[in-house]
Amino acid sequence: MGMKPVVAGLALLLVLGGTVPVVHADMVTAAEPASDRPVLSEIERRGVVRCGVSFNPGFAANDDAGRPVGFMVDLCRALAAAVLGKADAIEIRRLSKPQEFAAVAAGEVDVSFAQTSWTMTRDAAYAVDFGPPVFHDVQGIAAWRRPGGGSALEGGELTVCVPAGTTTQTTMEALAGGGKRIWRLRSFPGWPDALEAFLGRDCNAISADRAMLTTALHALDASRNPQGQFPANSLEITDAPAAAREPIAPLTPNSDRMWMAAVRWTIYALILADDAGVTGSNANFQRITGSSEIRRLLSGLPDVAAKAGLRPDWAYQAIVQVGNYGEIFERNLGARSPYKLDRGSNRPWTQGGLLYVPVFQ
């Protein structure tokens, strides 16, 4: 494959321009100085919530009008609805993995939804706090099929592209070092670099979080092929041959416990609403007819909310303006999206998933 189509596809996928504020972190030379004021006070003064994201289809990108859209963008919008009453009062900043932790700690963003897995090393090594996991993923691997249609993953030498400094790289190094497969790893500074090398056939396989891998390859191919499918038998995407948990969680500065509480409970509100069947369209009715816990949710527990610096109707506004967790998932990644991802582990615990909420009282 020539590089011009690859670069064109990547340009479409990764750097779509916009008219709303989308600031690339590597373009910021003088960030607003960190303040001793609590984050919520700064947000109220500024009038927007600043969220860091990684640009990946379905999770965060710009639409044709240049507006940021996606699963992680909608979580940012729910947060803005909760703390400011306006879901669109957001500023999206694109962050890479090396930049993300420093940007959060320095206050360049209020929260990062940049698809980062929660690990003990990251929790201990950086001046950030992890919130509740918002997406449970597994590690995936995509490979070009061998001539004749055979699987590249079955025997023979395999060169695997991986983004450096990620849990993906660590897992693949363990697999390659096990001696059962002739796998050679090539690491790249970031996910876009690894993806470009794979599409250019510099590697015959690539590994990353499976949902991210699936949506990225789907979006790139759809930009070239109206049917949205790779040529028959040319590519396979499957789970990596090792159990690898990828709990994707937001990050906030660890200097402000109140702000983390606001982020945490906004996410919990979306998950609880999903579990209880409270949607953006029926939330007003559920305020009166719902269970005692749902009535507490939609009333916002105003006395407690005031102590946390939240609006009295914070949870109601987040759900009405943006939707519950399931609505956000389905329109960005699931049945109502081009990607048709199964919710799998990203279902409430009552439906066999891993989404679980502390008692709302």
Protein backbone atom coordinates (compact mmCIF):
# COMPACT_ATOMS: atom_id res chain seq x y z
CA MET A 1 0.00 0.00 0.00
CA GLY A 2 1.38 3.44 -0.92
CA MET A 3 1.83 6.04 1.77
CA LYS A 4 -0.36 8.74 0.19
CA PRO A 5 -3.64 6.84 0.78
CA VAL A 6 -2.48 5.99 4.28
CA VAL A 7 -1.65 9.56 5.14
CA ALA A 8 -4.93 10.74 3.64
CA GLY A 9 -6.86 8.22 5.69
CA LEU A 10 -5.02 9.17 8.85
CA ALA A 11 -5.63 12.82 8.19
CA LEU A 12 -9.35 12.12 7.94
CA LEU A 13 -9.33 10.02 11.08
CA LEU A 14 -6.99 11.92 13.35
CA VAL A 15 -6.85 15.59 12.47
CA LEU A 16 -10.27 16.68 11.33
CA GLY A 17 -10.48 20.41 11.89
CA GLY A 18 -13.17 22.09 13.97
CA THR A 19 -14.83 25.37 14.80
CA VAL A 20 -15.40 24.73 18.50
CA PRO A 21 -12.37 25.03 20.79
CA VAL A 22 -10.21 21.95 20.19
CA VAL A 23 -6.66 22.65 21.33
CA HIS A 24 -3.84 20.21 20.61
CA ALA A 25 -1.72 19.89 23.73
CA ASP A 26 1.49 19.83 21.73
CA MET A 27 0.56 23.27 20.38
CA VAL A 28 0.12 24.79 23.84
CA THR A 29 3.32 26.57 24.80
CA ALA A 30 2.08 28.55 27.76
CA ALA A 31 -0.78 26.90 29.61
CA GLU A 32 -2.87 28.93 32.03
CA PRO A 33 -0.98 28.85 35.34
CA ALA A 34 -2.25 26.38 37.89
CA SER A 35 -4.15 28.09 40.70
CA ASP A 36 -4.66 27.35 44.35
CA ARG A 37 -8.40 27.83 43.80
CA PRO A 38 -10.45 24.62 43.74
CA VAL A 39 -11.06 23.22 40.29
CA LEU A 40 -14.82 23.77 40.49
CA SER A 41 -14.28 27.47 41.27
CA GLU A 42 -11.96 27.75 38.29
CA ILE A 43 -14.54 26.06 36.05
CA GLU A 44 -17.26 28.46 37.19
CA ARG A 45 -14.98 31.45 36.60
CA ARG A 46 -13.95 30.16 33.17
CA GLY A 47 -17.41 29.00 32.10
CA VAL A 48 -16.27 25.73 30.47
CA VAL A 49 -15.03 22.30 31.52
CA ARG A 50 -11.71 21.46 29.87
CA CYS A 51 -11.45 17.77 28.98
CA GLY A 52 -8.49 15.91 27.52
CA VAL A 53 -9.17 13.14 24.99
CA SER A 54 -7.40 10.88 22.53
CA PHE A 55 -8.85 11.17 19.05
CA ASN A 56 -10.25 7.76 18.08
CA PRO A 57 -13.45 7.16 16.07
CA GLY A 58 -16.48 6.59 18.25
CA PHE A 59 -14.63 7.79 21.34
CA ALA A 60 -13.56 11.31 20.35
CA ALA A 61 -13.33 13.05 16.97
CA ASN A 62 -14.74 16.05 15.12
CA ASP A 63 -17.85 15.68 13.01
CA ASP A 64 -18.31 17.20 9.55
CA ALA A 65 -19.19 20.54 11.11
CA GLY A 66 -16.05 20.51 13.25
CA ARG A 67 -17.85 19.78 16.52
CA PRO A 68 -16.30 17.30 18.97
CA VAL A 69 -18.35 14.11 19.24
CA GLY A 70 -17.93 10.64 20.69
CA PHE A 71 -18.34 8.52 23.79
CA MET A 72 -15.67 10.33 25.81
CA VAL A 73 -16.85 13.73 24.57
CA ASP A 74 -20.35 12.93 25.81
CA LEU A 75 -18.97 12.05 29.25
CA CYS A 76 -17.34 15.48 29.25
CA ARG A 77 -20.66 17.03 28.21
CA ALA A 78 -22.47 15.24 31.05
CA LEU A 79 -19.94 16.65 33.48
CA ALA A 80 -20.49 20.17 32.12
CA ALA A 81 -24.25 19.72 32.47
CA ALA A 82 -23.77 18.61 36.07
CA VAL A 83 -21.46 21.42 37.19
CA LEU A 84 -22.48 24.30 34.90
CA GLY A 85 -25.97 23.33 33.74
CA LYS A 86 -24.86 23.49 30.07
CA ALA A 87 -23.72 20.32 28.33
CA ASP A 88 -22.01 22.19 25.52
CA ALA A 89 -19.90 24.34 27.85
CA ILE A 90 -16.81 22.25 27.13
CA GLU A 91 -13.35 22.70 25.69
CA ILE A 92 -11.75 19.61 24.19
CA ARG A 93 -7.98 19.21 24.16
CA ARG A 94 -6.31 16.38 22.31
CA LEU A 95 -3.66 14.66 24.43
CA SER A 96 -1.11 11.96 23.73
CA LYS A 97 -0.11 9.47 26.42
CA PRO A 98 3.20 11.16 27.36
CA GLN A 99 1.43 14.52 27.67
CA GLU A 100 -1.68 13.36 29.46
CA PHE A 101 -0.43 12.92 33.01
CA ALA A 102 1.54 16.18 33.03
CA ALA A 103 -1.40 18.10 31.53
CA VAL A 104 -3.76 16.85 34.23
CA ALA A 105 -1.31 17.46 37.09
CA ALA A 106 -0.52 20.97 35.84
CA GLY A 107 -4.17 21.94 35.51
CA GLU A 108 -4.05 22.36 31.72
CA VAL A 109 -7.19 20.19 31.64
CA ASP A 110 -9.72 19.63 34.41
CA VAL A 111 -10.20 15.96 33.60
CA SER A 112 -8.81 13.55 31.03
CA PHE A 113 -10.93 10.98 29.21
CA ALA A 114 -7.98 9.95 26.99
CA GLN A 115 -8.66 6.19 27.14
CA THR A 116 -6.05 5.39 29.76
CA SER A 117 -6.04 2.07 31.61
CA TRP A 118 -5.93 2.24 35.38
CA THR A 119 -2.76 0.55 36.66
CA MET A 120 -1.04 0.57 40.04
CA THR A 121 2.15 2.08 38.57
CA ARG A 122 0.28 5.00 37.02
CA ASP A 123 -1.74 5.51 40.18
CA ALA A 124 1.40 5.69 42.32
CA ALA A 125 3.80 7.46 39.96
CA TYR A 126 1.75 10.47 38.80
CA ALA A 127 0.05 13.35 40.61
CA VAL A 128 -3.37 12.25 39.38
CA ASP A 129 -6.38 10.36 40.69
CA PHE A 130 -8.25 7.74 38.67
CA GLY A 131 -12.02 7.86 38.67
CA PRO A 132 -14.38 4.92 38.15
CA PRO A 133 -13.74 2.89 34.98
CA VAL A 134 -16.01 4.20 32.23
CA PHE A 135 -15.15 1.52 29.66
CA HIS A 136 -14.02 -2.07 30.21
CA ASP A 137 -11.98 -3.37 27.30
CA VAL A 138 -9.67 -6.25 26.44
CA GLN A 139 -6.53 -6.26 24.36
CA GLY A 140 -7.06 -6.92 20.69
CA ILE A 141 -4.84 -7.78 17.76
CA ALA A 142 -5.43 -7.18 14.05
CA ALA A 143 -3.42 -8.94 11.35
CA TRP A 144 -3.28 -9.04 7.58
CA ARG A 145 -4.11 -12.54 6.39
CA ARG A 146 -1.47 -14.58 4.60
CA PRO A 147 -1.70 -15.11 0.82
CA GLY A 148 -4.39 -17.69 0.23
CA GLY A 149 -6.41 -16.55 3.23
CA GLY A 150 -4.52 -18.28 6.07
CA SER A 151 -4.38 -16.61 9.47
CA ALA A 152 -1.18 -14.68 10.14
CA LEU A 153 -1.65 -15.44 13.83
CA GLU A 154 -1.22 -19.19 13.38
CA GLY A 155 2.45 -20.09 13.19
CA GLY A 156 5.29 -18.37 11.39
CA GLU A 157 7.00 -15.09 12.16
CA LEU A 158 4.84 -12.10 12.97
CA THR A 159 5.88 -8.46 13.29
CA VAL A 160 3.53 -6.60 15.63
CA CYS A 161 3.22 -2.81 15.82
CA VAL A 162 2.50 -1.46 19.33
CA PRO A 163 2.30 2.04 20.81
CA ALA A 164 5.16 2.57 23.28
CA GLY A 165 4.65 3.05 27.01
CA THR A 166 1.27 1.29 27.09
CA THR A 167 -0.18 -1.77 28.80
CA THR A 168 -0.46 -3.19 25.28
CA GLN A 169 3.31 -3.12 24.87
CA THR A 170 3.86 -4.80 28.25
CA THR A 171 1.43 -7.62 27.46
CA MET A 172 2.85 -8.22 23.99
CA GLU A 173 6.42 -8.27 25.33
CA ALA A 174 5.40 -11.02 27.74
CA LEU A 175 3.79 -12.99 24.92
CA ALA A 176 6.77 -12.56 22.61
CA GLY A 177 9.16 -13.56 25.37
CA GLY A 178 7.26 -16.74 26.17
CA GLY A 179 8.93 -18.57 23.31
CA LYS A 180 5.71 -20.10 21.96
CA ARG A 181 5.47 -17.69 19.03
CA ILE A 182 8.02 -16.13 16.69
CA TRP A 183 6.83 -12.58 17.26
CA ARG A 184 8.91 -9.46 16.81
CA LEU A 185 7.62 -6.20 18.30
CA ARG A 186 8.06 -2.76 16.81
CA SER A 187 7.16 0.08 19.17
CA PHE A 188 6.13 3.55 18.02
CA PRO A 189 5.85 6.85 19.91
CA GLY A 190 2.07 6.82 19.74
CA TRP A 191 -1.03 5.05 18.48
CA PRO A 192 -1.26 7.03 15.19
CA ASP A 193 2.34 6.09 14.34
CA ALA A 194 1.72 2.40 15.01
CA LEU A 195 -1.49 2.48 12.98
CA GLU A 196 0.22 4.16 10.02
CA ALA A 197 2.99 1.54 10.04
CA PHE A 198 0.43 -1.28 10.07
CA LEU A 199 -1.59 0.22 7.23
CA GLY A 200 1.62 0.67 5.26
CA ARG A 201 2.37 -3.07 5.78
CA ASP A 202 5.53 -2.31 7.75
CA CYS A 203 4.05 -4.74 10.30
CA ASN A 204 1.72 -7.60 9.53
CA ALA A 205 -0.12 -7.16 12.84
CA ILE A 206 -1.01 -4.43 15.33
CA SER A 207 -2.18 -4.64 18.93
CA ALA A 208 -4.20 -2.16 21.03
CA ASP A 209 -7.39 -2.03 23.07
CA ARG A 210 -9.82 -4.05 20.97
CA ALA A 211 -12.62 -1.47 20.79
CA MET A 212 -10.20 1.27 19.74
CA LEU A 213 -8.63 -1.04 17.16
CA THR A 214 -12.02 -2.02 15.73
CA THR A 215 -13.42 1.51 15.44
CA ALA A 216 -10.20 2.95 13.98
CA LEU A 217 -9.89 0.33 11.24
CA HIS A 218 -13.60 0.56 10.45
CA ALA A 219 -13.46 4.35 10.11
CA LEU A 220 -10.35 4.32 7.97
CA ASP A 221 -11.72 1.74 5.60
CA ALA A 222 -15.14 3.40 5.40
CA SER A 223 -13.39 6.54 4.17
CA ARG A 224 -12.06 4.56 1.19
CA ASN A 225 -14.72 1.92 0.67
CA PRO A 226 -18.46 2.82 0.57
CA GLN A 227 -19.38 -0.63 1.87
CA GLY A 228 -17.28 -0.05 4.99
CA GLN A 229 -15.58 -3.43 4.69
CA PHE A 230 -12.00 -4.48 4.10
CA PRO A 231 -11.48 -6.78 1.10
CA ALA A 232 -12.71 -10.28 1.84
CA ASN A 233 -10.33 -12.31 3.99
CA SER A 234 -7.69 -9.55 4.03
CA LEU A 235 -7.81 -8.73 7.72
CA GLU A 236 -8.78 -10.38 10.98
CA ILE A 237 -9.40 -8.74 14.34
CA THR A 238 -9.55 -10.85 17.47
CA ASP A 239 -8.68 -10.83 21.16
CA ALA A 240 -4.96 -10.99 21.84
CA PRO A 241 -3.90 -14.50 22.92
CA ALA A 242 -3.58 -13.44 26.55
CA ALA A 243 -6.09 -12.30 29.14
CA ALA A 244 -5.55 -8.56 29.53
CA ARG A 245 -7.88 -6.30 31.49
CA GLU A 246 -8.16 -2.71 30.26
CA PRO A 247 -10.24 -0.66 32.73
CA ILE A 248 -10.39 2.77 31.05
CA ALA A 249 -10.83 5.51 33.65
CA PRO A 250 -10.80 9.33 33.77
CA LEU A 251 -7.98 11.26 35.44
CA THR A 252 -8.17 14.36 37.65
CA PRO A 253 -5.49 16.26 39.61
CA ASN A 254 -4.91 14.58 42.96
CA SER A 255 -4.85 17.97 44.70
CA ASP A 256 -8.63 18.41 44.69
CA ARG A 257 -10.73 15.73 46.34
CA MET A 258 -13.98 17.66 45.83
CA TRP A 259 -13.50 17.80 42.08
CA MET A 260 -12.82 14.07 41.88
CA ALA A 261 -16.03 13.51 43.85
CA ALA A 262 -17.94 15.56 41.26
CA VAL A 263 -16.46 13.54 38.39
CA ARG A 264 -16.97 10.23 40.18
CA TRP A 265 -20.61 10.77 41.10
CA THR A 266 -21.57 12.20 37.72
CA ILE A 267 -20.33 8.97 36.13
CA TYR A 268 -22.11 6.91 38.77
CA ALA A 269 -25.33 8.84 38.09
CA LEU A 270 -25.18 7.94 34.39
CA ILE A 271 -24.56 4.26 35.20
CA LEU A 272 -27.31 4.07 37.84
CA ALA A 273 -29.78 5.71 35.46
CA ASP A 274 -28.89 3.12 32.81
CA ASP A 275 -29.40 0.27 35.27
CA ALA A 276 -32.77 1.65 36.41
CA GLY A 277 -34.09 2.54 32.96
CA VAL A 278 -34.01 6.29 33.55
CA THR A 279 -33.46 8.00 30.20
CA GLY A 280 -33.19 11.55 28.97
CA SER A 281 -36.82 11.40 27.85
CA ASN A 282 -38.41 9.90 30.96
CA ALA A 283 -36.29 11.45 33.73
CA ASN A 284 -38.90 14.10 34.52
CA PHE A 285 -41.55 11.40 35.04
CA GLN A 286 -39.14 9.23 37.04
CA ARG A 287 -38.54 12.10 39.47
CA ILE A 288 -42.05 11.42 40.76
CA THR A 289 -42.66 7.73 40.06
CA GLY A 290 -39.22 6.16 40.40
CA SER A 291 -37.89 4.12 43.32
CA SER A 292 -36.69 5.94 46.42
CA GLU A 293 -33.10 5.72 45.19
CA ILE A 294 -34.03 7.07 41.75
CA ARG A 295 -35.94 9.95 43.33
CA ARG A 296 -32.85 10.72 45.39
CA LEU A 297 -30.73 10.54 42.25
CA LEU A 298 -32.92 12.91 40.28
CA SER A 299 -33.40 15.32 43.18
CA GLY A 300 -29.60 15.49 43.37
CA LEU A 301 -29.43 15.16 47.18
CA PRO A 302 -29.12 18.97 47.32
CA ASP A 303 -27.61 19.20 50.82
CA VAL A 304 -24.85 16.78 49.89
CA ALA A 305 -24.46 18.33 46.43
CA ALA A 306 -23.90 21.75 48.01
CA LYS A 307 -21.05 20.36 50.09
CA ALA A 308 -19.50 18.95 46.92
CA GLY A 309 -19.97 22.22 45.04
CA LEU A 310 -22.54 20.74 42.64
CA ARG A 311 -25.80 22.22 41.37
CA PRO A 312 -28.94 21.01 43.19
CA ASP A 313 -30.21 19.34 39.98
CA TRP A 314 -26.80 18.13 38.77
CA ALA A 315 -27.69 14.49 38.05
CA TYR A 316 -31.01 15.37 36.43
CA GLN A 317 -29.33 17.87 34.10
CA ALA A 318 -26.61 15.39 33.09
CA ILE A 319 -29.17 12.70 32.22
CA VAL A 320 -31.69 14.98 30.48
CA GLN A 321 -29.12 16.86 28.42
CA VAL A 322 -26.82 13.95 27.50
CA GLY A 323 -28.56 10.66 28.37
CA ASN A 324 -27.74 7.72 30.60
CA TYR A 325 -24.64 5.56 30.14
CA GLY A 326 -26.42 3.13 27.82
CA GLU A 327 -27.76 5.91 25.59
CA ILE A 328 -24.28 7.41 25.34
CA PHE A 329 -22.75 4.02 24.51
CA GLU A 330 -25.28 3.01 21.87
CA ARG A 331 -25.23 6.23 19.87
CA ASN A 332 -21.44 6.48 19.79
CA LEU A 333 -20.21 2.88 19.77
CA GLY A 334 -23.14 0.47 19.79
CA ALA A 335 -26.22 -0.36 17.74
CA ARG A 336 -26.95 3.25 16.70
CA SER A 337 -23.37 3.88 15.58
CA PRO A 338 -21.44 2.68 12.50
CA TYR A 339 -19.31 0.40 14.73
CA LYS A 340 -22.03 -1.84 16.23
CA LEU A 341 -19.89 -2.78 19.24
CA ASP A 342 -21.51 -5.16 21.68
CA ARG A 343 -21.75 -3.74 25.18
CA GLY A 344 -20.28 -6.88 26.71
CA SER A 345 -18.75 -6.01 30.07
CA ASN A 346 -20.03 -2.46 29.74
CA ARG A 347 -23.46 -3.43 30.98
CA PRO A 348 -24.81 -2.90 34.50
CA TRP A 349 -24.00 -5.64 36.97
CA THR A 350 -27.68 -6.66 37.02
CA GLN A 351 -27.32 -7.54 33.32
CA GLY A 352 -24.08 -9.50 33.64
CA GLY A 353 -21.72 -6.57 33.13
CA LEU A 354 -19.10 -4.88 35.29
CA LEU A 355 -20.77 -1.49 35.83
CA TYR A 356 -21.54 -1.18 39.52
CA VAL A 357 -22.52 1.88 41.54
CA PRO A 358 -22.22 2.59 45.30
CA VAL A 359 -25.48 3.23 47.14
CA PHE A 360 -26.95 6.62 46.24
CA GLN A 361 -27.94 8.08 49.58
